[in-house]
Amino acid sequence: MRALAKTQAAPGLELIEVPEPTIGINDVLIKVLRTGICGTDLHIESWDHWAQTHIKPPLVIGHEFVGEVVEVGSNVNDFHAGQIVSGEGHLVCGRCRNCMAGRRHLCAHTAGVGVDRAGAFAEYISLPMTNVWAHHEGIDLDVAAIFDPFGNATHTALSFPVLGEDVLITGAGPIGLMAAQIVRHAGARHVVVTDINSERLELARSMGIVNAINTRELTLADVQSNLGMTEGFDVGLEMSGSPIALNDMLGAMSHGGRIALLGLHADASPVDWNNIITSMITIKGIYGREMYETWYAMSVMLQSGLDISSVITHRFAAGDHEAAFAAARSGGAGKVIMDWTQL
């Protein structure tokens, strides 16, 4: 089969022929239909410091996908050929304290699809049945392809109650924009998204996010005043990985405010711990998705009217992967989809 792989310890990716994956008795073989490009994939493609310390070529990359089940192992009863599915990209050990207690998203021995094992940028992928998610009938394939980052956004956005609350989201990347739509769907009062990238802020406004703010032009204090807010933000969702954005958020929170952190920082980030303590702010780190409560929440929200399709801005044939990665790297794109039926 054809697959997009990191073939050597250097920048770039190659579309190559690799053996079709085999399956064991507990596995599911999936024909890949669409994939989404993630920031992790960009790190691997550019071969930056993170990639050099985490990736061992040769490796088929990619972890955001939707596909069709073509074969199941003899122990698999919940899936059958023809089903449209995506996959949870974190494979857990199943035996540690957290796994045994049903807290699989907290497994310290997690292995990543497309990072620690063969990924989804290929014509076929094999996954354990415990990592396969069946979609409801009629789901848009492009939306189904981005359930992984949609899950990150959902896990972060719903970490704290947002009904009637004022929510600040720092970072207008695809996950931040999806989070904004989620908290609006969940009943937040004011939703403010900040960034310094004018293209992404314009995308946010086109998606109906009125309060998309360039912090080089307007301060959070100005925003709060314009909205008639007499106290700080109740909930903060930090998606940018920017120390400046994080500290701006900390300064704009109400006493007793709650912050969920998803954005990874390239370097150590100094924060005002005295402010966190005296303002009694709760901070929660987020990594990936809750297995599988987040997946249920995603599916139900889509069925109840949430529409995240506008976050997808570019679509390419998988054979045109260089153009797809260039679009994803540009900084002005939302989610970029590759179609694996077009090679």
Protein backbone atom coordinates (compact mmCIF):
# COMPACT_ATOMS: atom_id res chain seq x y z
CA MET A 1 0.00 0.00 0.00
CA ARG A 2 1.03 3.65 -0.30
CA ALA A 3 1.81 5.66 2.80
CA LEU A 4 3.30 9.02 3.78
CA ALA A 5 6.36 8.37 5.92
CA LYS A 6 9.33 9.91 7.63
CA THR A 7 11.98 7.81 5.94
CA GLN A 8 15.12 9.44 7.30
CA ALA A 9 16.32 11.73 10.07
CA ALA A 10 15.98 14.91 8.01
CA PRO A 11 13.28 17.40 6.96
CA GLY A 12 10.60 16.15 4.59
CA LEU A 13 8.22 13.24 4.04
CA GLU A 14 7.96 10.65 1.27
CA LEU A 15 4.99 8.89 -0.29
CA ILE A 16 6.25 5.31 -0.45
CA GLU A 17 5.14 1.69 -0.75
CA VAL A 18 4.95 -0.19 2.57
CA PRO A 19 3.45 -3.58 3.51
CA GLU A 20 -0.26 -3.55 4.27
CA PRO A 21 -0.77 -3.95 8.05
CA THR A 22 -1.85 -7.27 9.45
CA ILE A 23 -4.33 -7.73 12.29
CA GLY A 24 -4.43 -9.89 15.39
CA ILE A 25 -7.47 -11.47 16.98
CA ASN A 26 -8.38 -8.21 18.83
CA ASP A 27 -7.64 -5.79 15.99
CA VAL A 28 -9.56 -3.96 13.29
CA LEU A 29 -8.24 -3.24 9.77
CA ILE A 30 -9.47 0.09 8.41
CA LYS A 31 -9.31 1.51 4.89
CA VAL A 32 -8.38 5.17 5.38
CA LEU A 33 -10.64 7.66 3.59
CA ARG A 34 -9.66 11.10 4.90
CA THR A 35 -6.99 12.42 7.25
CA GLY A 36 -6.33 15.72 9.00
CA ILE A 37 -2.93 17.35 9.37
CA CYS A 38 -1.95 18.07 12.97
CA GLY A 39 0.72 20.29 14.50
CA THR A 40 2.53 17.11 15.50
CA ASP A 41 2.74 16.12 11.84
CA LEU A 42 4.26 19.52 11.03
CA HIS A 43 6.89 19.01 13.74
CA ILE A 44 7.77 15.62 12.25
CA GLU A 45 7.85 16.92 8.68
CA SER A 46 10.18 19.80 9.58
CA TRP A 47 12.33 17.54 11.79
CA ASP A 48 12.59 20.04 14.63
CA HIS A 49 14.04 19.38 18.07
CA TRP A 50 10.85 17.71 19.35
CA ALA A 51 10.74 15.36 16.35
CA GLN A 52 14.42 14.50 16.66
CA THR A 53 13.91 13.43 20.28
CA HIS A 54 10.63 11.51 19.77
CA ILE A 55 10.56 9.97 16.29
CA LYS A 56 12.51 6.96 15.03
CA PRO A 57 12.46 6.72 11.21
CA PRO A 58 11.25 4.99 9.19
CA LEU A 59 7.73 5.68 10.38
CA VAL A 60 4.34 6.15 8.74
CA ILE A 61 2.93 9.27 10.44
CA GLY A 62 -0.52 10.77 11.04
CA HIS A 63 -3.22 10.15 13.62
CA GLU A 64 -6.31 12.14 12.57
CA PHE A 65 -8.45 10.00 10.28
CA VAL A 66 -11.74 8.48 9.26
CA GLY A 67 -12.06 5.20 7.40
CA GLU A 68 -14.11 2.14 6.62
CA VAL A 69 -13.74 -1.18 8.43
CA VAL A 70 -12.62 -3.90 6.00
CA GLU A 71 -11.67 -6.76 8.35
CA VAL A 72 -11.87 -7.64 12.05
CA GLY A 73 -10.05 -10.13 14.26
CA SER A 74 -11.74 -13.28 15.52
CA ASN A 75 -12.31 -11.80 19.01
CA VAL A 76 -13.95 -8.62 17.66
CA ASN A 77 -17.74 -8.51 17.95
CA ASP A 78 -18.54 -4.78 18.10
CA PHE A 79 -17.34 -3.83 14.61
CA HIS A 80 -18.04 -5.15 11.13
CA ALA A 81 -16.99 -4.50 7.56
CA GLY A 82 -18.46 -1.34 6.08
CA GLN A 83 -18.69 0.69 9.30
CA ILE A 84 -17.36 4.26 9.22
CA VAL A 85 -14.92 4.72 12.10
CA SER A 86 -12.17 6.87 13.52
CA GLY A 87 -9.50 5.90 16.02
CA GLU A 88 -8.36 7.10 19.42
CA GLY A 89 -4.71 7.87 18.82
CA HIS A 90 -3.52 7.09 22.35
CA LEU A 91 -2.89 3.40 23.04
CA VAL A 92 -2.75 2.68 26.76
CA CYS A 93 -1.20 -0.15 28.73
CA GLY A 94 -4.45 -1.40 30.30
CA ARG A 95 -2.70 -2.56 33.48
CA CYS A 96 -1.53 0.51 35.40
CA ARG A 97 -3.51 1.98 38.30
CA ASN A 98 -5.26 4.59 36.16
CA CYS A 99 -6.17 2.13 33.40
CA MET A 100 -7.52 -0.40 35.89
CA ALA A 101 -9.61 2.36 37.50
CA GLY A 102 -11.12 3.37 34.15
CA ARG A 103 -9.03 6.53 33.85
CA ARG A 104 -7.31 5.45 30.66
CA HIS A 105 -6.56 8.99 29.48
CA LEU A 106 -4.22 9.26 32.50
CA CYS A 107 -2.12 6.22 31.57
CA ALA A 108 1.55 7.08 32.01
CA HIS A 109 2.56 4.45 29.45
CA THR A 110 0.59 5.82 26.50
CA ALA A 111 1.88 5.15 22.96
CA GLY A 112 0.85 7.45 20.14
CA VAL A 113 -0.39 6.48 16.68
CA GLY A 114 1.88 8.08 14.09
CA VAL A 115 4.51 8.81 16.76
CA ASP A 116 5.34 5.54 18.51
CA ARG A 117 3.72 3.18 15.99
CA ALA A 118 2.58 3.25 12.36
CA GLY A 119 0.11 6.01 11.67
CA ALA A 120 -2.91 6.83 9.56
CA PHE A 121 -1.34 8.60 6.57
CA ALA A 122 -1.72 5.44 4.54
CA GLU A 123 -4.26 3.46 2.60
CA TYR A 124 -4.86 1.15 5.60
CA ILE A 125 -4.33 1.23 9.35
CA SER A 126 -4.68 -1.49 11.97
CA LEU A 127 -5.85 -0.63 15.50
CA PRO A 128 -6.90 -2.57 18.60
CA MET A 129 -10.69 -2.74 18.84
CA THR A 130 -10.47 -0.74 22.09
CA ASN A 131 -9.21 2.24 20.07
CA VAL A 132 -11.87 2.23 17.35
CA TRP A 133 -14.84 4.62 17.43
CA ALA A 134 -17.92 3.96 15.27
CA HIS A 135 -19.59 7.08 13.88
CA HIS A 136 -23.31 7.64 13.61
CA GLU A 137 -24.82 7.15 10.19
CA GLY A 138 -24.50 10.05 7.77
CA ILE A 139 -21.65 11.89 9.48
CA ASP A 140 -19.67 14.20 7.21
CA LEU A 141 -16.40 12.42 6.44
CA ASP A 142 -14.30 15.57 6.71
CA VAL A 143 -15.68 16.25 10.19
CA ALA A 144 -15.18 12.62 11.19
CA ALA A 145 -11.55 12.89 10.08
CA ILE A 146 -10.84 15.55 12.71
CA PHE A 147 -12.44 13.85 15.73
CA ASP A 148 -8.99 13.67 17.35
CA PRO A 149 -8.45 17.47 17.57
CA PHE A 150 -12.19 18.00 18.05
CA GLY A 151 -11.73 15.75 21.08
CA ASN A 152 -8.89 17.89 22.41
CA ALA A 153 -11.13 20.93 22.07
CA THR A 154 -14.07 19.17 23.73
CA HIS A 155 -12.00 17.80 26.63
CA THR A 156 -10.61 21.29 27.28
CA ALA A 157 -13.81 23.26 26.74
CA LEU A 158 -15.96 21.03 28.96
CA SER A 159 -13.45 20.57 31.79
CA PHE A 160 -15.42 23.14 33.78
CA PRO A 161 -19.11 24.15 33.64
CA VAL A 162 -19.58 26.99 31.14
CA LEU A 163 -23.37 27.54 31.18
CA GLY A 164 -23.90 31.27 31.68
CA GLU A 165 -20.18 31.86 32.22
CA ASP A 166 -17.75 34.26 30.56
CA VAL A 167 -15.06 32.29 28.73
CA LEU A 168 -11.65 33.47 27.50
CA ILE A 169 -9.86 31.36 24.86
CA THR A 170 -6.24 32.25 24.08
CA GLY A 171 -5.18 30.98 20.65
CA ALA A 172 -7.33 31.05 17.50
CA GLY A 173 -5.89 27.93 15.93
CA PRO A 174 -8.26 25.16 14.83
CA ILE A 175 -8.61 23.67 18.31
CA GLY A 176 -9.24 27.07 19.88
CA LEU A 177 -11.88 27.85 17.27
CA MET A 178 -13.61 24.51 17.83
CA ALA A 179 -13.52 25.14 21.58
CA ALA A 180 -15.21 28.49 21.04
CA GLN A 181 -18.03 26.82 19.13
CA ILE A 182 -18.36 24.16 21.83
CA VAL A 183 -18.68 26.60 24.75
CA ARG A 184 -21.21 28.66 22.78
CA HIS A 185 -23.18 25.45 22.15
CA ALA A 186 -22.93 24.65 25.86
CA GLY A 187 -24.46 27.99 26.87
CA ALA A 188 -21.58 30.33 27.71
CA ARG A 189 -22.49 34.03 27.94
CA HIS A 190 -19.51 35.95 26.55
CA VAL A 191 -16.91 34.03 24.51
CA VAL A 192 -13.68 35.89 23.73
CA VAL A 193 -10.94 34.46 21.50
CA THR A 194 -7.54 36.14 21.36
CA ASP A 195 -4.60 35.82 18.98
CA ILE A 196 -2.09 37.98 17.11
CA ASN A 197 -2.64 36.25 13.74
CA SER A 198 -5.07 38.42 11.77
CA GLU A 199 -5.96 35.64 9.30
CA ARG A 200 -7.01 33.27 12.06
CA LEU A 201 -8.98 35.99 13.79
CA GLU A 202 -10.78 36.72 10.52
CA LEU A 203 -11.59 33.01 10.23
CA ALA A 204 -12.96 33.14 13.77
CA ARG A 205 -15.24 36.05 12.86
CA SER A 206 -16.43 34.23 9.74
CA MET A 207 -17.45 31.39 12.05
CA GLY A 208 -19.64 33.74 14.07
CA ILE A 209 -17.18 34.37 16.90
CA VAL A 210 -17.84 38.09 17.30
CA ASN A 211 -15.29 38.75 20.02
CA ALA A 212 -12.15 37.66 18.16
CA ILE A 213 -9.52 40.02 19.51
CA ASN A 214 -6.01 40.92 18.36
CA THR A 215 -4.22 41.61 21.65
CA ARG A 216 -1.77 43.89 19.86
CA GLU A 217 -4.69 46.21 19.17
CA LEU A 218 -6.96 45.79 22.21
CA THR A 219 -6.29 44.77 25.81
CA LEU A 220 -8.36 42.26 27.70
CA ALA A 221 -9.30 45.04 30.12
CA ASP A 222 -10.75 46.99 27.17
CA VAL A 223 -12.65 43.90 26.02
CA GLN A 224 -14.13 43.35 29.47
CA SER A 225 -15.18 47.00 29.65
CA ASN A 226 -16.78 46.87 26.19
CA LEU A 227 -18.77 43.77 27.20
CA GLY A 228 -19.92 45.30 30.46
CA MET A 229 -18.14 42.67 32.53
CA THR A 230 -17.80 43.78 36.15
CA GLU A 231 -15.62 40.83 37.15
CA GLY A 232 -13.00 38.74 35.37
CA PHE A 233 -13.50 35.72 33.15
CA ASP A 234 -14.97 32.68 34.88
CA VAL A 235 -13.30 30.06 32.66
CA GLY A 236 -10.07 30.26 30.67
CA LEU A 237 -9.02 27.86 27.91
CA GLU A 238 -5.32 28.29 27.06
CA MET A 239 -4.68 26.89 23.58
CA SER A 240 -1.75 28.97 22.31
CA GLY A 241 1.27 27.73 24.24
CA SER A 242 2.32 31.38 24.58
CA PRO A 243 3.69 32.53 27.96
CA ILE A 244 2.43 36.05 27.19
CA ALA A 245 -1.09 34.78 26.48
CA LEU A 246 -1.06 32.64 29.63
CA ASN A 247 -0.05 35.54 31.85
CA ASP A 248 -2.59 37.83 30.19
CA MET A 249 -5.22 35.21 30.95
CA LEU A 250 -4.13 34.91 34.57
CA GLY A 251 -4.48 38.66 34.97
CA ALA A 252 -7.98 38.66 33.47
CA MET A 253 -9.56 35.88 35.56
CA SER A 254 -12.15 36.37 38.27
CA HIS A 255 -11.40 35.31 41.81
CA GLY A 256 -11.99 31.57 41.92
CA GLY A 257 -11.67 31.34 38.15
CA ARG A 258 -10.81 28.06 36.45
CA ILE A 259 -8.27 27.52 33.66
CA ALA A 260 -7.76 24.49 31.42
CA LEU A 261 -4.32 24.35 29.78
CA LEU A 262 -3.93 22.54 26.44
CA GLY A 263 -1.27 24.58 24.61
CA LEU A 264 2.22 23.11 25.00
CA HIS A 265 5.05 25.56 25.71
CA ALA A 266 8.34 25.32 23.84
CA ASP A 267 10.28 26.52 26.90
CA ALA A 268 9.76 27.05 30.60
CA SER A 269 7.15 29.76 31.24
CA PRO A 270 7.33 32.02 34.31
CA VAL A 271 3.97 32.75 35.91
CA ASP A 272 2.81 34.88 38.82
CA TRP A 273 2.11 32.15 41.34
CA ASN A 274 1.17 34.71 44.00
CA ASN A 275 -1.69 35.88 41.80
CA ILE A 276 -2.83 32.27 41.26
CA ILE A 277 -2.79 31.64 45.00
CA THR A 278 -4.41 34.86 46.18
CA SER A 279 -7.03 34.76 43.40
CA MET A 280 -7.68 31.09 44.23
CA ILE A 281 -7.46 30.08 40.58
CA THR A 282 -7.85 26.40 39.64
CA ILE A 283 -5.56 25.17 36.84
CA LYS A 284 -6.04 21.84 35.04
CA GLY A 285 -3.68 20.34 32.47
CA ILE A 286 -5.29 18.67 29.44
CA TYR A 287 -3.67 16.05 27.21
CA GLY A 288 -5.71 14.25 24.57
CA ARG A 289 -9.22 13.02 25.19
CA GLU A 290 -11.06 11.21 27.98
CA MET A 291 -11.62 7.65 26.85
CA TYR A 292 -14.37 7.56 25.89
CA GLU A 293 -16.57 10.15 27.54
CA THR A 294 -15.15 12.87 25.28
CA TRP A 295 -16.00 10.81 22.20
CA TYR A 296 -19.61 10.40 23.36
CA ALA A 297 -19.83 14.16 23.98
CA MET A 298 -18.52 14.92 20.49
CA SER A 299 -20.98 12.64 18.75
CA VAL A 300 -23.93 13.88 20.80
CA MET A 301 -23.07 17.55 20.26
CA LEU A 302 -22.95 17.04 16.49
CA GLN A 303 -26.30 15.25 16.61
CA SER A 304 -27.76 18.13 18.65
CA GLY A 305 -26.74 20.80 16.14
CA LEU A 306 -23.10 21.73 16.73
CA ASP A 307 -21.41 22.47 13.39
CA ILE A 308 -17.60 22.53 13.31
CA SER A 309 -17.25 22.08 9.54
CA SER A 310 -16.28 25.72 8.96
CA VAL A 311 -12.98 25.14 10.77
CA ILE A 312 -11.93 23.05 7.74
CA THR A 313 -10.47 25.49 5.20
CA HIS A 314 -8.39 23.36 2.81
CA ARG A 315 -8.86 19.98 1.11
CA PHE A 316 -6.25 18.13 -0.96
CA ALA A 317 -5.74 14.78 -2.60
CA ALA A 318 -3.32 12.71 -0.52
CA GLY A 319 -1.06 12.56 -3.54
CA ASP A 320 -0.71 16.34 -3.27
CA HIS A 321 0.64 16.12 0.28
CA GLU A 322 3.34 18.76 -0.22
CA ALA A 323 0.73 21.42 -1.00
CA ALA A 324 -1.38 20.20 1.91
CA PHE A 325 1.49 20.55 4.35
CA ALA A 326 2.39 23.97 2.92
CA ALA A 327 -1.16 25.14 3.58
CA ALA A 328 -1.11 23.77 7.13
CA ARG A 329 2.25 25.47 7.76
CA SER A 330 1.09 28.84 6.42
CA GLY A 331 -0.47 30.00 9.69
CA GLY A 332 -3.60 31.21 7.94
CA ALA A 333 -5.34 27.86 7.53
CA GLY A 334 -7.84 26.11 9.71
CA LYS A 335 -7.88 22.32 9.48
CA VAL A 336 -6.37 20.79 6.34
CA ILE A 337 -7.84 17.53 5.02
CA MET A 338 -6.17 14.96 2.76
CA ASP A 339 -8.33 12.56 0.73
CA TRP A 340 -6.78 9.07 0.58
CA THR A 341 -9.12 7.92 -2.18
CA GLN A 342 -7.15 10.30 -4.41
CA LEU A 343 -3.54 9.18 -4.76
